[in-house]
Amino acid sequence: MTANDSAEKTEDRSLNNHAALKTSIANGDVEEVKARLEGHTLNKLEKGYLIDLARLSGNSEIEEVIKSTPES
């Protein structure tokens, strides 16, 4: 495995995690959102997007979980 292969696998996991996070937000699964964000940081653009998604789903608890996630 080359360094490029490793970077691609890391990116794939990151994209998969992001997709699963969006699904959890849409489903209103607060505990899953907490678990997926635990120990992670979000960049400002990504955080704003996820907050908007939580607002659209009408779940203020998930919105607060996302807001409390540190920014990178």
C-alpha atoms as a PDB file:
ATOM      1  CA  MET A   1       0.000   0.000   0.000  1.00  0.00           C
ATOM      2  CA  THR A   2       1.353   3.399  -0.953  1.00  0.00           C
ATOM      3  CA  ALA A   3       0.921   6.652   0.945  1.00  0.00           C
ATOM      4  CA  ASN A   4      -1.557   7.711  -1.733  1.00  0.00           C
ATOM      5  CA  ASP A   5      -3.671   4.569  -1.128  1.00  0.00           C
ATOM      6  CA  SER A   6      -3.689   5.311   2.588  1.00  0.00           C
ATOM      7  CA  ALA A   7      -4.790   8.908   1.996  1.00  0.00           C
ATOM      8  CA  GLU A   8      -7.585   7.717  -0.307  1.00  0.00           C
ATOM      9  CA  LYS A   9      -8.840   5.238   2.302  1.00  0.00           C
ATOM     10  CA  THR A  10      -8.777   7.939   4.986  1.00  0.00           C
ATOM     11  CA  GLU A  11     -10.718  10.269   2.699  1.00  0.00           C
ATOM     12  CA  ASP A  12     -13.246   7.505   1.928  1.00  0.00           C
ATOM     13  CA  ARG A  13     -13.813   6.906   5.660  1.00  0.00           C
ATOM     14  CA  SER A  14     -14.205  10.630   6.203  1.00  0.00           C
ATOM     15  CA  LEU A  15     -16.746  10.921   3.395  1.00  0.00           C
ATOM     16  CA  ASN A  16     -18.615   7.874   4.668  1.00  0.00           C
ATOM     17  CA  ASN A  17     -18.683   9.306   8.193  1.00  0.00           C
ATOM     18  CA  HIS A  18     -19.956  12.647   6.868  1.00  0.00           C
ATOM     19  CA  ALA A  19     -22.718  10.920   4.885  1.00  0.00           C
ATOM     20  CA  ALA A  20     -23.717   8.868   7.928  1.00  0.00           C
ATOM     21  CA  LEU A  21     -23.722  12.026  10.052  1.00  0.00           C
ATOM     22  CA  LYS A  22     -26.060  13.782   7.608  1.00  0.00           C
ATOM     23  CA  THR A  23     -28.364  10.736   7.642  1.00  0.00           C
ATOM     24  CA  SER A  24     -28.383  10.703  11.451  1.00  0.00           C
ATOM     25  CA  ILE A  25     -29.300  14.398  11.507  1.00  0.00           C
ATOM     26  CA  ALA A  26     -32.118  13.872   8.990  1.00  0.00           C
ATOM     27  CA  ASN A  27     -33.404  10.918  11.032  1.00  0.00           C
ATOM     28  CA  GLY A  28     -33.319  12.929  14.259  1.00  0.00           C
ATOM     29  CA  ASP A  29     -30.980  10.451  15.977  1.00  0.00           C
ATOM     30  CA  VAL A  30     -29.382  12.642  18.657  1.00  0.00           C
ATOM     31  CA  GLU A  31     -27.258   9.875  20.209  1.00  0.00           C
ATOM     32  CA  GLU A  32     -25.829   8.845  16.841  1.00  0.00           C
ATOM     33  CA  VAL A  33     -24.966  12.468  16.015  1.00  0.00           C
ATOM     34  CA  LYS A  34     -23.219  12.822  19.384  1.00  0.00           C
ATOM     35  CA  ALA A  35     -21.277   9.594  18.801  1.00  0.00           C
ATOM     36  CA  ARG A  36     -20.194  10.612  15.285  1.00  0.00           C
ATOM     37  CA  LEU A  37     -19.040  14.073  16.403  1.00  0.00           C
ATOM     38  CA  GLU A  38     -17.310  12.972  19.605  1.00  0.00           C
ATOM     39  CA  GLY A  39     -13.607  13.773  19.435  1.00  0.00           C
ATOM     40  CA  HIS A  40     -13.919  15.540  16.076  1.00  0.00           C
ATOM     41  CA  THR A  41     -13.710  19.137  14.944  1.00  0.00           C
ATOM     42  CA  LEU A  42     -15.611  20.756  12.097  1.00  0.00           C
ATOM     43  CA  ASN A  43     -14.466  23.493   9.779  1.00  0.00           C
ATOM     44  CA  LYS A  44     -16.658  26.597   9.750  1.00  0.00           C
ATOM     45  CA  LEU A  45     -18.349  25.845   6.419  1.00  0.00           C
ATOM     46  CA  GLU A  46     -19.113  22.228   7.313  1.00  0.00           C
ATOM     47  CA  LYS A  47     -20.426  23.232  10.743  1.00  0.00           C
ATOM     48  CA  GLY A  48     -22.726  25.841   9.217  1.00  0.00           C
ATOM     49  CA  TYR A  49     -24.064  23.317   6.723  1.00  0.00           C
ATOM     50  CA  LEU A  50     -24.797  20.750   9.430  1.00  0.00           C
ATOM     51  CA  ILE A  51     -26.497  23.377  11.613  1.00  0.00           C
ATOM     52  CA  ASP A  52     -28.704  24.334   8.655  1.00  0.00           C
ATOM     53  CA  LEU A  53     -29.516  20.663   8.075  1.00  0.00           C
ATOM     54  CA  ALA A  54     -30.478  20.256  11.742  1.00  0.00           C
ATOM     55  CA  ARG A  55     -32.707  23.344  11.518  1.00  0.00           C
ATOM     56  CA  LEU A  56     -34.408  21.945   8.423  1.00  0.00           C
ATOM     57  CA  SER A  57     -35.066  18.686  10.265  1.00  0.00           C
ATOM     58  CA  GLY A  58     -36.579  20.707  13.117  1.00  0.00           C
ATOM     59  CA  ASN A  59     -34.376  19.219  15.815  1.00  0.00           C
ATOM     60  CA  SER A  60     -33.022  21.911  18.136  1.00  0.00           C
ATOM     61  CA  GLU A  61     -31.216  19.354  20.321  1.00  0.00           C
ATOM     62  CA  ILE A  62     -29.117  18.167  17.385  1.00  0.00           C
ATOM     63  CA  GLU A  63     -28.524  21.793  16.417  1.00  0.00           C
ATOM     64  CA  GLU A  64     -27.081  22.456  19.890  1.00  0.00           C
ATOM     65  CA  VAL A  65     -24.877  19.345  19.705  1.00  0.00           C
ATOM     66  CA  ILE A  66     -23.423  20.583  16.412  1.00  0.00           C
ATOM     67  CA  LYS A  67     -22.966  24.127  17.730  1.00  0.00           C
ATOM     68  CA  SER A  68     -21.021  22.770  20.704  1.00  0.00           C
ATOM     69  CA  THR A  69     -18.613  20.852  18.448  1.00  0.00           C
ATOM     70  CA  PRO A  70     -15.241  22.647  18.258  1.00  0.00           C
ATOM     71  CA  GLU A  71     -14.165  24.303  15.013  1.00  0.00           C
ATOM     72  CA  SER A  72     -10.893  23.532  13.295  1.00  0.00           C
END
